[in-house]
Amino acid sequence: MIGLGDSMKRYVAGRILAAGFIGILLGLYVHFDQMRWSQRGRDAFLTYQDHRFDKTIMHPPAQFFAIGASVVLAGIAIGLYELIAAGITHILPPSTAEEL
């Protein structure tokens, strides 16, 4: 990154590493969830999905509640990302590469 100061390089690197870290955690969650359902079997999975459909699709929550919950969850996700990025940026050592 030509022309960027050391703090900017650390900032960008911290954000990239934070996104990668969160992606890895999400991938692990999905993997273990799939392993759990594969152990329980097809019938248990279909029964759960049938119940979920009846609960959420046929009787959706009030729209203001769904929007409010989405805003809160997005805020939590962005806050968590920012905390992880700041932590990684703080941990990263200063760059020793010379500017070109």
C-alpha atoms as a PDB file:
ATOM      1  CA  MET A   1       0.000   0.000   0.000  1.00  0.00           C
ATOM      2  CA  ILE A   2       2.029   2.863  -1.330  1.00  0.00           C
ATOM      3  CA  GLY A   3       1.544   6.216   0.333  1.00  0.00           C
ATOM      4  CA  LEU A   4      -0.336   4.975   3.384  1.00  0.00           C
ATOM      5  CA  GLY A   5       1.035   5.698   6.808  1.00  0.00           C
ATOM      6  CA  ASP A   6       1.874   2.992   9.294  1.00  0.00           C
ATOM      7  CA  SER A   7      -1.282   3.536  11.325  1.00  0.00           C
ATOM      8  CA  MET A   8      -3.428   3.294   8.189  1.00  0.00           C
ATOM      9  CA  LYS A   9      -1.763   0.011   7.200  1.00  0.00           C
ATOM     10  CA  ARG A  10      -2.447  -1.408  10.654  1.00  0.00           C
ATOM     11  CA  TYR A  11      -6.036  -0.146  10.492  1.00  0.00           C
ATOM     12  CA  VAL A  12      -6.696  -1.804   7.119  1.00  0.00           C
ATOM     13  CA  ALA A  13      -4.897  -5.002   8.121  1.00  0.00           C
ATOM     14  CA  GLY A  14      -6.891  -5.144  11.359  1.00  0.00           C
ATOM     15  CA  ARG A  15     -10.172  -4.817   9.482  1.00  0.00           C
ATOM     16  CA  ILE A  16      -9.221  -7.496   6.958  1.00  0.00           C
ATOM     17  CA  LEU A  17      -8.125  -9.890   9.705  1.00  0.00           C
ATOM     18  CA  ALA A  18     -11.285  -9.175  11.728  1.00  0.00           C
ATOM     19  CA  ALA A  19     -13.497  -9.944   8.726  1.00  0.00           C
ATOM     20  CA  GLY A  20     -11.553 -13.162   8.126  1.00  0.00           C
ATOM     21  CA  PHE A  21     -11.810 -14.135  11.800  1.00  0.00           C
ATOM     22  CA  ILE A  22     -15.567 -13.569  11.871  1.00  0.00           C
ATOM     23  CA  GLY A  23     -15.899 -15.500   8.600  1.00  0.00           C
ATOM     24  CA  ILE A  24     -14.017 -18.446  10.077  1.00  0.00           C
ATOM     25  CA  LEU A  25     -16.209 -18.399  13.198  1.00  0.00           C
ATOM     26  CA  LEU A  26     -19.365 -18.300  11.067  1.00  0.00           C
ATOM     27  CA  GLY A  27     -18.077 -21.160   8.905  1.00  0.00           C
ATOM     28  CA  LEU A  28     -17.328 -23.253  12.009  1.00  0.00           C
ATOM     29  CA  TYR A  29     -20.795 -22.565  13.369  1.00  0.00           C
ATOM     30  CA  VAL A  30     -22.444 -23.644  10.113  1.00  0.00           C
ATOM     31  CA  HIS A  31     -20.251 -26.754   9.915  1.00  0.00           C
ATOM     32  CA  PHE A  32     -21.037 -27.888  13.463  1.00  0.00           C
ATOM     33  CA  ASP A  33     -24.731 -27.147  12.989  1.00  0.00           C
ATOM     34  CA  GLN A  34     -24.766 -29.328   9.868  1.00  0.00           C
ATOM     35  CA  MET A  35     -22.915 -32.100  11.719  1.00  0.00           C
ATOM     36  CA  ARG A  36     -25.435 -31.900  14.572  1.00  0.00           C
ATOM     37  CA  TRP A  37     -28.406 -32.220  12.199  1.00  0.00           C
ATOM     38  CA  SER A  38     -26.761 -35.035  10.261  1.00  0.00           C
ATOM     39  CA  GLN A  39     -26.396 -36.962  13.529  1.00  0.00           C
ATOM     40  CA  ARG A  40     -30.030 -36.358  14.469  1.00  0.00           C
ATOM     41  CA  GLY A  41     -31.259 -37.549  11.102  1.00  0.00           C
ATOM     42  CA  ARG A  42     -33.571 -36.510   8.310  1.00  0.00           C
ATOM     43  CA  ASP A  43     -36.830 -36.983  10.219  1.00  0.00           C
ATOM     44  CA  ALA A  44     -35.702 -34.789  13.132  1.00  0.00           C
ATOM     45  CA  PHE A  45     -34.571 -32.068  10.730  1.00  0.00           C
ATOM     46  CA  LEU A  46     -37.818 -32.118   8.750  1.00  0.00           C
ATOM     47  CA  THR A  47     -39.882 -32.083  11.960  1.00  0.00           C
ATOM     48  CA  TYR A  48     -37.925 -29.033  13.185  1.00  0.00           C
ATOM     49  CA  GLN A  49     -38.356 -27.234   9.853  1.00  0.00           C
ATOM     50  CA  ASP A  50     -42.078 -28.042   9.823  1.00  0.00           C
ATOM     51  CA  HIS A  51     -42.458 -26.546  13.300  1.00  0.00           C
ATOM     52  CA  ARG A  52     -40.361 -23.511  12.298  1.00  0.00           C
ATOM     53  CA  PHE A  53     -42.525 -22.935   9.225  1.00  0.00           C
ATOM     54  CA  ASP A  54     -45.720 -23.107  11.272  1.00  0.00           C
ATOM     55  CA  LYS A  55     -44.326 -20.702  13.864  1.00  0.00           C
ATOM     56  CA  THR A  56     -42.621 -18.057  11.704  1.00  0.00           C
ATOM     57  CA  ILE A  57     -44.141 -18.203   8.230  1.00  0.00           C
ATOM     58  CA  MET A  58     -47.780 -18.877   8.997  1.00  0.00           C
ATOM     59  CA  HIS A  59     -47.816 -16.523  12.010  1.00  0.00           C
ATOM     60  CA  PRO A  60     -45.125 -13.896  11.443  1.00  0.00           C
ATOM     61  CA  PRO A  61     -44.170 -11.583  14.303  1.00  0.00           C
ATOM     62  CA  ALA A  62     -45.382  -8.000  14.221  1.00  0.00           C
ATOM     63  CA  GLN A  63     -43.482  -6.025  11.605  1.00  0.00           C
ATOM     64  CA  PHE A  64     -42.260  -3.353  14.025  1.00  0.00           C
ATOM     65  CA  PHE A  65     -40.846  -6.073  16.256  1.00  0.00           C
ATOM     66  CA  ALA A  66     -39.048  -7.747  13.336  1.00  0.00           C
ATOM     67  CA  ILE A  67     -37.572  -4.440  12.156  1.00  0.00           C
ATOM     68  CA  GLY A  68     -36.526  -3.477  15.676  1.00  0.00           C
ATOM     69  CA  ALA A  69     -34.909  -6.852  16.295  1.00  0.00           C
ATOM     70  CA  SER A  70     -33.059  -6.598  12.976  1.00  0.00           C
ATOM     71  CA  VAL A  71     -31.723  -3.156  13.856  1.00  0.00           C
ATOM     72  CA  VAL A  72     -30.551  -4.359  17.269  1.00  0.00           C
ATOM     73  CA  LEU A  73     -28.875  -7.464  15.797  1.00  0.00           C
ATOM     74  CA  ALA A  74     -27.167  -5.391  13.091  1.00  0.00           C
ATOM     75  CA  GLY A  75     -25.898  -2.998  15.758  1.00  0.00           C
ATOM     76  CA  ILE A  76     -24.532  -5.871  17.810  1.00  0.00           C
ATOM     77  CA  ALA A  77     -22.850  -7.425  14.756  1.00  0.00           C
ATOM     78  CA  ILE A  78     -21.246  -4.133  13.699  1.00  0.00           C
ATOM     79  CA  GLY A  79     -20.154  -3.399  17.269  1.00  0.00           C
ATOM     80  CA  LEU A  80     -18.603  -6.848  17.600  1.00  0.00           C
ATOM     81  CA  TYR A  81     -16.783  -6.405  14.294  1.00  0.00           C
ATOM     82  CA  GLU A  82     -15.460  -2.998  15.379  1.00  0.00           C
ATOM     83  CA  LEU A  83     -14.245  -4.383  18.718  1.00  0.00           C
ATOM     84  CA  ILE A  84     -12.454  -7.290  17.044  1.00  0.00           C
ATOM     85  CA  ALA A  85     -10.912  -4.981  14.413  1.00  0.00           C
ATOM     86  CA  ALA A  86      -9.729  -2.533  17.096  1.00  0.00           C
ATOM     87  CA  GLY A  87      -8.261  -5.372  19.153  1.00  0.00           C
ATOM     88  CA  ILE A  88      -6.406  -6.837  16.198  1.00  0.00           C
ATOM     89  CA  THR A  89      -5.157  -3.394  15.137  1.00  0.00           C
ATOM     90  CA  HIS A  90      -3.877  -2.806  18.667  1.00  0.00           C
ATOM     91  CA  ILE A  91      -2.094  -6.184  18.714  1.00  0.00           C
ATOM     92  CA  LEU A  92      -0.442  -5.823  15.293  1.00  0.00           C
ATOM     93  CA  PRO A  93       3.150  -4.630  15.455  1.00  0.00           C
ATOM     94  CA  PRO A  94       4.159  -1.452  13.608  1.00  0.00           C
ATOM     95  CA  SER A  95       5.220  -2.023  10.019  1.00  0.00           C
ATOM     96  CA  THR A  96       8.969  -2.134   9.376  1.00  0.00           C
ATOM     97  CA  ALA A  97       8.640  -2.082   5.593  1.00  0.00           C
ATOM     98  CA  GLU A  98      10.020   1.008   3.901  1.00  0.00           C
ATOM     99  CA  GLU A  99       7.709   3.272   1.950  1.00  0.00           C
ATOM    100  CA  LEU A 100       8.262   3.282  -1.821  1.00  0.00           C
END
